[in-house]
Amino acid sequence: MAPPPPATGRGRGRRRPDEDFASD
């Protein structure tokens, strides 16, 4: 599992704005 992205990078263009934090 990859490390969680920064809390400030919500939907920065990784996958989806919500998908990025769906694991949180």
PDB file of N, CA and C in Angstrom:
ATOM      1  N   MET A   1       0.845  -1.211   0.000  1.00  0.00           N
ATOM      2  CA  MET A   1       0.000   0.000   0.000  1.00  0.00           C
ATOM      3  C   MET A   1       0.876   1.256   0.000  1.00  0.00           C
ATOM      4  N   ALA A   2       0.519   2.171  -0.845  1.00  0.00           N
ATOM      5  CA  ALA A   2       1.294   3.406  -0.932  1.00  0.00           C
ATOM      6  C   ALA A   2       0.964   4.324   0.238  1.00  0.00           C
ATOM      7  N   PRO A   3       1.909   5.174   0.597  1.00  0.00           N
ATOM      8  CA  PRO A   3       1.690   6.100   1.718  1.00  0.00           C
ATOM      9  C   PRO A   3       0.575   7.088   1.400  1.00  0.00           C
ATOM     10  N   PRO A   4      -0.138   7.559   2.408  1.00  0.00           N
ATOM     11  CA  PRO A   4      -1.236   8.504   2.192  1.00  0.00           C
ATOM     12  C   PRO A   4      -0.721   9.846   1.691  1.00  0.00           C
ATOM     13  N   PRO A   5      -1.430  10.461   0.756  1.00  0.00           N
ATOM     14  CA  PRO A   5      -1.022  11.753   0.208  1.00  0.00           C
ATOM     15  C   PRO A   5      -1.187  12.859   1.240  1.00  0.00           C
ATOM     16  N   PRO A   6      -0.543  14.010   1.028  1.00  0.00           N
ATOM     17  CA  PRO A   6      -0.663  15.133   1.957  1.00  0.00           C
ATOM     18  C   PRO A   6      -2.099  15.612   2.062  1.00  0.00           C
ATOM     19  N   ALA A   7      -2.490  16.062   3.232  1.00  0.00           N
ATOM     20  CA  ALA A   7      -3.873  16.498   3.449  1.00  0.00           C
ATOM     21  C   ALA A   7      -4.220  17.701   2.571  1.00  0.00           C
ATOM     22  N   THR A   8      -3.187  18.362   2.066  1.00  0.00           N
ATOM     23  CA  THR A   8      -3.420  19.555   1.254  1.00  0.00           C
ATOM     24  C   THR A   8      -3.530  19.192  -0.223  1.00  0.00           C
ATOM     25  N   GLY A   9      -3.246  17.944  -0.564  1.00  0.00           N
ATOM     26  CA  GLY A   9      -3.278  17.537  -1.972  1.00  0.00           C
ATOM     27  C   GLY A   9      -4.560  16.824  -2.324  1.00  0.00           C
ATOM     28  N   ARG A  10      -5.666  17.312  -1.840  1.00  0.00           N
ATOM     29  CA  ARG A  10      -6.952  16.662  -2.102  1.00  0.00           C
ATOM     30  C   ARG A  10      -7.367  16.875  -3.560  1.00  0.00           C
ATOM     31  N   GLY A  11      -7.325  15.790  -4.338  1.00  0.00           N
ATOM     32  CA  GLY A  11      -7.742  15.896  -5.731  1.00  0.00           C
ATOM     33  C   GLY A  11      -6.788  16.750  -6.533  1.00  0.00           C
ATOM     34  N   ARG A  12      -5.510  16.479  -6.365  1.00  0.00           N
ATOM     35  CA  ARG A  12      -4.529  17.281  -7.101  1.00  0.00           C
ATOM     36  C   ARG A  12      -4.329  16.743  -8.522  1.00  0.00           C
ATOM     37  N   GLY A  13      -4.906  15.581  -8.798  1.00  0.00           N
ATOM     38  CA  GLY A  13      -4.752  15.023 -10.138  1.00  0.00           C
ATOM     39  C   GLY A  13      -4.125  13.648 -10.100  1.00  0.00           C
ATOM     40  N   ARG A  14      -4.068  13.033  -8.915  1.00  0.00           N
ATOM     41  CA  ARG A  14      -3.500  11.684  -8.822  1.00  0.00           C
ATOM     42  C   ARG A  14      -4.463  10.692  -9.467  1.00  0.00           C
ATOM     43  N   ARG A  15      -5.641  10.545  -8.901  1.00  0.00           N
ATOM     44  CA  ARG A  15      -6.653   9.664  -9.472  1.00  0.00           C
ATOM     45  C   ARG A  15      -7.973  10.418  -9.568  1.00  0.00           C
ATOM     46  N   ARG A  16      -8.547  10.665  -8.403  1.00  0.00           N
ATOM     47  CA  ARG A  16      -9.806  11.424  -8.310  1.00  0.00           C
ATOM     48  C   ARG A  16      -9.790  12.225  -7.018  1.00  0.00           C
ATOM     49  N   PRO A  17     -10.480  13.324  -6.963  1.00  0.00           N
ATOM     50  CA  PRO A  17     -10.490  14.164  -5.760  1.00  0.00           C
ATOM     51  C   PRO A  17     -10.923  13.398  -4.517  1.00  0.00           C
ATOM     52  N   ASP A  18     -11.836  12.446  -4.687  1.00  0.00           N
ATOM     53  CA  ASP A  18     -12.325  11.682  -3.538  1.00  0.00           C
ATOM     54  C   ASP A  18     -11.597  10.352  -3.413  1.00  0.00           C
ATOM     55  N   GLU A  19     -11.241   9.784  -4.548  1.00  0.00           N
ATOM     56  CA  GLU A  19     -10.579   8.485  -4.554  1.00  0.00           C
ATOM     57  C   GLU A  19      -9.234   8.575  -3.834  1.00  0.00           C
ATOM     58  N   ASP A  20      -8.640   9.761  -3.852  1.00  0.00           N
ATOM     59  CA  ASP A  20      -7.340   9.958  -3.241  1.00  0.00           C
ATOM     60  C   ASP A  20      -7.414   9.781  -1.728  1.00  0.00           C
ATOM     61  N   PHE A  21      -8.578  10.096  -1.177  1.00  0.00           N
ATOM     62  CA  PHE A  21      -8.722  10.039   0.272  1.00  0.00           C
ATOM     63  C   PHE A  21      -9.766   9.017   0.699  1.00  0.00           C
ATOM     64  N   ALA A  22     -10.135   8.145  -0.238  1.00  0.00           N
ATOM     65  CA  ALA A  22     -11.160   7.150   0.066  1.00  0.00           C
ATOM     66  C   ALA A  22     -10.646   6.170   1.116  1.00  0.00           C
ATOM     67  N   SER A  23      -9.324   6.059   1.199  1.00  0.00           N
ATOM     68  CA  SER A  23      -8.730   5.100   2.135  1.00  0.00           C
ATOM     69  C   SER A  23      -8.605   5.700   3.529  1.00  0.00           C
ATOM     70  N   ASP A  24      -8.661   7.012   3.597  1.00  0.00           N
ATOM     71  CA  ASP A  24      -8.481   7.683   4.880  1.00  0.00           C
ATOM     72  C   ASP A  24      -9.714   7.528   5.752  1.00  0.00           C
TER      73      ASP A  24
END
